N, C-alpha and C. Protein backbone atom coordinates (compact mmCIF):
# COMPACT_ATOMS: atom_id res chain seq x y z
N MET A 1 -15.52 -2.26 -12.11
CA MET A 1 -14.73 -1.08 -12.71
C MET A 1 -13.22 -1.47 -12.81
N LYS A 2 -12.73 -1.26 -13.98
CA LYS A 2 -11.24 -1.64 -14.24
C LYS A 2 -10.40 -0.39 -13.92
N ILE A 3 -9.54 -0.41 -12.94
CA ILE A 3 -8.75 0.80 -12.52
C ILE A 3 -7.44 0.63 -13.17
N SER A 4 -7.02 1.63 -13.70
CA SER A 4 -5.69 1.67 -14.26
C SER A 4 -4.70 2.68 -13.83
N GLU A 5 -5.33 3.72 -13.00
CA GLU A 5 -4.63 4.78 -12.36
C GLU A 5 -5.26 5.10 -11.06
N ILE A 6 -4.53 5.42 -10.09
CA ILE A 6 -4.79 5.87 -8.69
C ILE A 6 -4.15 7.24 -8.31
N LYS A 7 -5.12 8.06 -7.84
CA LYS A 7 -4.54 9.36 -7.37
C LYS A 7 -4.46 9.36 -5.87
N ILE A 8 -3.33 9.79 -5.32
CA ILE A 8 -3.09 9.73 -3.88
C ILE A 8 -2.86 11.18 -3.52
N VAL A 9 -3.51 11.72 -2.55
CA VAL A 9 -3.15 13.14 -2.06
C VAL A 9 -2.68 12.79 -0.66
N PHE A 10 -1.51 13.43 -0.42
CA PHE A 10 -0.88 13.45 0.84
C PHE A 10 -1.45 14.43 1.85
N ILE A 11 -1.21 14.21 3.13
CA ILE A 11 -1.58 15.27 4.21
C ILE A 11 -0.97 16.61 3.92
N ASN A 12 0.37 16.46 3.40
CA ASN A 12 1.12 17.74 3.14
C ASN A 12 0.59 18.46 1.81
N GLY A 13 -0.41 17.98 1.07
CA GLY A 13 -0.92 18.59 0.02
C GLY A 13 -0.30 18.04 -1.41
N ASN A 14 0.79 17.28 -1.36
CA ASN A 14 1.45 16.64 -2.54
C ASN A 14 0.44 15.53 -3.10
N GLU A 15 0.40 15.59 -4.42
CA GLU A 15 -0.30 14.56 -5.10
C GLU A 15 0.61 13.55 -5.96
N LYS A 16 0.14 12.31 -6.06
CA LYS A 16 0.81 11.41 -6.85
C LYS A 16 -0.04 10.54 -7.60
N ILE A 17 0.13 10.36 -8.98
CA ILE A 17 -0.69 9.62 -9.84
C ILE A 17 -0.01 8.35 -10.11
N ILE A 18 -0.46 7.31 -9.62
CA ILE A 18 0.02 5.81 -9.90
C ILE A 18 -0.55 5.14 -11.07
N ASP A 19 0.18 4.84 -11.99
CA ASP A 19 -0.23 4.13 -13.28
C ASP A 19 0.05 2.66 -12.81
N LYS A 20 -1.00 1.81 -13.41
CA LYS A 20 -0.91 0.34 -13.29
C LYS A 20 0.46 -0.35 -13.74
N ASN A 21 0.90 0.27 -14.69
CA ASN A 21 2.21 -0.20 -15.44
C ASN A 21 3.60 0.23 -14.73
N SER A 22 3.28 1.23 -13.78
CA SER A 22 4.51 1.71 -13.01
C SER A 22 4.86 0.98 -11.79
N ILE A 23 4.11 0.12 -11.23
CA ILE A 23 4.53 -0.58 -10.05
C ILE A 23 4.12 -1.98 -10.24
N LYS A 24 4.82 -2.77 -9.45
CA LYS A 24 4.69 -4.42 -9.61
C LYS A 24 3.38 -4.77 -8.81
N ASN A 25 3.16 -4.24 -7.64
CA ASN A 25 2.07 -4.69 -6.78
C ASN A 25 0.86 -3.77 -6.81
N PHE A 26 0.37 -3.28 -7.99
CA PHE A 26 -0.77 -2.42 -8.13
C PHE A 26 -1.89 -3.00 -7.49
N TYR A 27 -2.31 -4.21 -7.65
CA TYR A 27 -3.45 -4.74 -7.06
C TYR A 27 -3.50 -4.79 -5.53
N SER A 28 -2.38 -4.91 -4.94
CA SER A 28 -2.24 -4.53 -3.51
C SER A 28 -2.61 -3.12 -3.07
N LEU A 29 -2.26 -2.36 -3.97
CA LEU A 29 -2.56 -0.89 -3.69
C LEU A 29 -4.08 -0.68 -3.79
N ILE A 30 -4.79 -1.38 -4.80
CA ILE A 30 -6.23 -1.23 -4.86
C ILE A 30 -6.78 -1.73 -3.64
N ASN A 31 -6.39 -2.96 -3.20
CA ASN A 31 -6.89 -3.58 -1.95
C ASN A 31 -6.72 -2.70 -0.84
N TRP A 32 -5.58 -2.00 -0.68
CA TRP A 32 -5.22 -1.11 0.44
C TRP A 32 -6.18 0.09 0.36
N MET A 33 -6.40 0.61 -0.90
CA MET A 33 -7.09 1.84 -1.12
C MET A 33 -8.61 1.56 -0.71
N ASN A 34 -9.11 0.35 -1.08
CA ASN A 34 -10.60 0.07 -0.63
C ASN A 34 -10.65 -0.04 0.82
N SER A 35 -9.69 -0.71 1.52
CA SER A 35 -9.80 -0.82 2.97
C SER A 35 -9.57 0.53 3.75
N PHE A 36 -8.76 1.35 3.11
CA PHE A 36 -8.45 2.69 3.67
C PHE A 36 -9.79 3.58 3.60
N ASN A 37 -10.43 3.48 2.30
CA ASN A 37 -11.69 4.32 2.11
C ASN A 37 -12.95 3.68 2.79
N ASN A 38 -12.87 2.47 3.32
CA ASN A 38 -13.84 1.93 4.09
C ASN A 38 -13.63 2.03 5.65
N ASN A 39 -12.59 2.80 5.98
CA ASN A 39 -12.18 3.02 7.40
C ASN A 39 -11.73 1.78 8.06
N ASP A 40 -11.25 0.71 7.33
CA ASP A 40 -10.75 -0.41 8.04
C ASP A 40 -9.42 -0.34 8.33
N SER A 41 -8.96 -1.19 9.29
CA SER A 41 -7.53 -1.07 9.60
C SER A 41 -6.57 -1.34 8.51
N VAL A 42 -5.50 -0.50 8.13
CA VAL A 42 -4.60 -0.77 7.24
C VAL A 42 -3.30 -0.61 7.67
N ALA A 43 -2.19 -1.45 7.31
CA ALA A 43 -0.94 -1.26 7.74
C ALA A 43 -0.15 -0.65 6.55
N THR A 44 1.10 -0.23 6.82
CA THR A 44 1.85 0.50 5.83
C THR A 44 2.12 -0.42 4.76
N LEU A 45 1.88 0.06 3.53
CA LEU A 45 2.17 -0.77 2.22
C LEU A 45 3.28 -0.21 1.50
N THR A 46 4.34 -1.08 1.26
CA THR A 46 5.60 -0.62 0.46
C THR A 46 5.34 -1.21 -1.04
N LEU A 47 5.38 -0.18 -1.88
CA LEU A 47 5.11 -0.56 -3.34
C LEU A 47 6.52 -0.47 -4.03
N SER A 48 6.48 -1.59 -4.96
CA SER A 48 7.83 -1.70 -5.74
C SER A 48 7.65 -1.19 -7.15
N GLY A 49 8.38 -0.11 -7.43
CA GLY A 49 8.25 0.33 -8.82
C GLY A 49 8.90 -0.56 -9.97
N ARG A 50 8.63 -0.44 -11.19
CA ARG A 50 9.22 -1.28 -12.23
C ARG A 50 10.65 -0.77 -12.37
N ASP A 51 10.99 0.34 -12.05
CA ASP A 51 12.48 0.77 -12.24
C ASP A 51 13.33 0.20 -11.03
N LEU A 52 14.46 -0.31 -11.32
CA LEU A 52 15.26 -0.92 -10.32
C LEU A 52 15.37 -0.08 -9.12
N GLY A 53 15.23 -0.49 -7.98
CA GLY A 53 15.50 0.34 -6.90
C GLY A 53 14.37 1.39 -6.49
N SER A 54 13.22 1.44 -7.31
CA SER A 54 12.29 2.30 -6.96
C SER A 54 11.16 1.78 -6.09
N THR A 55 11.07 2.42 -4.96
CA THR A 55 10.05 1.90 -3.92
C THR A 55 9.48 3.09 -3.27
N PHE A 56 8.25 3.00 -2.68
CA PHE A 56 7.59 4.14 -1.91
C PHE A 56 6.54 3.45 -1.00
N SER A 57 6.16 4.08 0.01
CA SER A 57 5.30 3.43 0.86
C SER A 57 4.04 4.43 1.10
N VAL A 58 2.93 3.83 1.40
CA VAL A 58 1.61 4.52 1.73
C VAL A 58 1.26 4.06 3.10
N SER A 59 0.98 4.92 3.88
CA SER A 59 0.54 4.81 5.31
C SER A 59 -0.72 5.66 5.72
N LYS A 60 -1.64 5.12 6.46
CA LYS A 60 -2.71 5.75 6.82
C LYS A 60 -2.58 7.24 7.48
N TYR A 61 -1.25 7.35 7.99
CA TYR A 61 -0.85 8.59 8.68
C TYR A 61 -0.37 9.66 7.76
N THR A 62 -0.08 9.29 6.51
CA THR A 62 0.46 10.26 5.51
C THR A 62 -0.57 10.59 4.38
N ILE A 63 -1.70 9.73 4.38
CA ILE A 63 -2.68 9.85 3.07
C ILE A 63 -3.81 10.65 3.48
N LYS A 64 -4.14 11.74 2.72
CA LYS A 64 -5.46 12.46 3.07
C LYS A 64 -6.53 11.67 2.23
N SER A 65 -6.22 11.47 1.03
CA SER A 65 -7.18 10.80 0.24
C SER A 65 -6.58 9.78 -0.82
N ILE A 66 -7.23 8.88 -1.36
CA ILE A 66 -6.82 8.00 -2.27
C ILE A 66 -7.91 7.52 -3.27
N GLU A 67 -7.97 7.59 -4.38
CA GLU A 67 -9.02 7.34 -5.30
C GLU A 67 -8.70 6.92 -6.71
N PRO A 68 -9.52 6.01 -7.28
CA PRO A 68 -9.20 5.65 -8.69
C PRO A 68 -9.46 6.89 -9.74
N LEU A 69 -8.71 7.04 -10.76
CA LEU A 69 -8.91 8.06 -11.62
C LEU A 69 -9.75 7.24 -12.83
N LYS A 70 -10.69 8.17 -13.26
CA LYS A 70 -11.62 7.51 -14.43
C LYS A 70 -11.09 7.85 -15.68
């Protein structure tokens, strides 16, 4: 399956849609998502946006669910 968008739901109820073209390390996020969904151990992942200075992190402690959008 070719993934171009990922939906993240945070524990506080906020949602974020991540587009493949909006971050530099999208494939790292896919690997993190697969590990998270398989209940494997995952470290905090910092993602770099394409815009200068744009970063955010995903952590197993702040994510309720993460899934690819079809």
